Protein backbone atom coordinates (compact mmCIF):
# COMPACT_ATOMS: atom_id res chain seq x y z
CA MET A 1 -47.48 22.75 3.29
CA HIS A 2 -51.12 22.17 3.39
CA GLU A 3 -51.42 21.65 -0.26
CA MET A 4 -50.13 18.19 0.31
CA SER A 5 -53.06 17.35 2.73
CA LEU A 6 -55.52 18.99 0.15
CA CYS A 7 -54.14 16.75 -2.61
CA GLU A 8 -54.55 13.61 -0.24
CA SER A 9 -58.18 14.70 0.13
CA ILE A 10 -58.65 15.12 -3.89
CA ILE A 11 -57.35 11.69 -4.26
CA GLY A 12 -59.68 10.51 -1.68
CA ILE A 13 -62.62 12.03 -3.47
CA ALA A 14 -61.63 10.62 -6.95
CA GLU A 15 -61.15 7.03 -5.45
CA GLU A 16 -64.71 7.34 -3.72
CA GLN A 17 -66.26 8.49 -6.95
CA ALA A 18 -64.39 5.76 -8.81
CA SER A 19 -66.19 3.09 -6.87
CA VAL A 20 -69.49 4.78 -7.11
CA GLN A 21 -69.23 5.47 -11.04
CA HIS A 22 -67.25 2.61 -11.85
CA PHE A 23 -64.04 4.06 -13.72
CA SER A 24 -60.49 2.83 -12.94
CA LYS A 25 -58.30 5.71 -13.86
CA VAL A 26 -58.46 9.50 -13.96
CA LYS A 27 -56.64 11.23 -17.02
CA SER A 28 -57.20 14.75 -16.09
CA ILE A 29 -58.52 16.83 -13.17
CA ARG A 30 -59.39 20.65 -13.32
CA LEU A 31 -59.49 22.60 -10.14
CA GLU A 32 -60.72 25.87 -9.32
CA ILE A 33 -58.80 27.74 -6.99
CA GLY A 34 -59.88 31.17 -5.46
CA LYS A 35 -57.37 33.87 -5.16
CA LEU A 36 -58.40 34.39 -1.52
CA SER A 37 -58.35 30.65 -0.77
CA CYS A 38 -54.89 30.63 0.80
CA VAL A 39 -54.05 27.92 -1.80
CA GLN A 40 -50.87 28.55 -3.91
CA ALA A 41 -51.31 26.84 -7.45
CA ASP A 42 -47.78 26.28 -7.92
CA ALA A 43 -47.37 24.37 -4.42
CA MET A 44 -50.59 22.60 -5.63
CA ALA A 45 -48.98 21.31 -8.74
CA PHE A 46 -45.92 20.31 -7.06
CA ALA A 47 -47.83 18.42 -4.09
CA PHE A 48 -50.12 16.69 -6.73
CA ASP A 49 -47.39 14.97 -8.52
CA ALA A 50 -45.73 13.75 -5.25
CA VAL A 51 -49.03 12.56 -3.83
CA ALA A 52 -50.65 11.12 -6.83
CA LYS A 53 -47.90 8.20 -7.42
CA ASN A 54 -49.40 4.66 -7.34
CA THR A 55 -53.04 6.18 -7.08
CA ILE A 56 -56.15 6.45 -9.56
CA LEU A 57 -54.74 9.89 -10.23
CA ASP A 58 -50.96 8.50 -11.30
CA GLY A 59 -49.99 10.36 -14.56
CA ALA A 60 -53.14 12.37 -14.61
CA ARG A 61 -52.96 15.98 -16.11
CA LEU A 62 -53.69 18.74 -13.38
CA GLU A 63 -55.42 21.83 -14.66
CA ILE A 64 -55.88 24.77 -12.40
CA ASP A 65 -58.21 27.67 -12.99
CA GLU A 66 -57.58 30.90 -10.96
CA VAL A 67 -60.90 32.41 -9.76
CA PRO A 68 -60.56 36.08 -9.04
CA GLY A 69 -61.49 37.24 -5.56
CA LYS A 70 -64.81 39.52 -5.47
CA GLY A 71 -66.45 41.24 -2.58
CA TRP A 72 -69.59 43.57 -1.95
CA CYS A 73 -68.76 46.94 -0.48
CA ALA A 74 -71.59 48.27 1.64
CA GLY A 75 -69.98 51.71 1.63
CA CYS A 76 -70.50 52.40 -2.03
CA SER A 77 -72.91 49.34 -2.82
CA THR A 78 -70.66 47.93 -5.42
CA GLU A 79 -69.10 44.64 -6.38
CA VAL A 80 -65.24 44.99 -6.40
CA GLU A 81 -62.36 42.87 -7.20
CA ILE A 82 -60.03 42.41 -4.30
CA ASN A 83 -56.47 40.86 -4.26
CA GLN A 84 -56.32 39.89 -0.57
CA ARG A 85 -58.73 38.93 1.95
CA TYR A 86 -58.58 42.09 4.12
CA ASP A 87 -58.23 44.61 1.61
CA GLY A 88 -60.53 47.57 1.88
CA CYS A 89 -62.80 48.79 -1.14
CA PRO A 90 -60.48 50.26 -3.82
CA LEU A 91 -63.16 52.69 -4.84
CA CYS A 92 -64.02 54.36 -1.43
CA GLU A 93 -61.66 52.53 0.98
CA TYR A 94 -64.78 51.16 3.11
CA TYR A 95 -63.71 48.23 5.34
CA PRO A 96 -64.47 45.37 5.70
CA ILE A 97 -65.63 44.17 2.25
CA GLU A 98 -67.92 40.86 2.29
CA ILE A 99 -66.40 38.42 0.27
CA ARG A 100 -68.67 36.94 -2.77
CA GLN A 101 -66.03 34.92 -4.77
CA GLY A 102 -62.58 33.72 -4.55
CA ASP A 103 -62.10 31.99 -1.13
CA ALA A 104 -62.69 28.48 -2.07
CA MET A 105 -61.08 25.48 -3.71
CA ARG A 106 -63.14 22.86 -5.72
CA ILE A 107 -62.76 19.95 -8.31
CA LYS A 108 -64.45 21.32 -11.35
CA ASP A 109 -64.39 18.40 -13.35
CA MET A 110 -62.25 15.08 -14.18
CA GLU A 111 -61.73 13.10 -17.33
CA VAL A 112 -61.73 9.36 -16.54
CA GLU A 113 -61.52 5.94 -18.25
């Protein structure tokens, strides 16, 4: 489960920012997870609770915003929504689609004290 190592990285980022910005606790953290990122939101939530224990994120509320997948179709010169990384264009079936959105995960914001 790579979500576990992603959560460990999130904790590392939060701890680094705590030392730079002088806060001691994260009350909530919001992630954006792209539909094409290969990160499962439910697995992320499960891993977060386990990994956050006894860290700056212990007890923090995790919020996850899903970002839809979007790509550019050179065949019909249209931006289209895609559900899987290797989908063809839903309008003209052109392949491959250039991914423009939804293939990343990032920390959107944190509420700290």
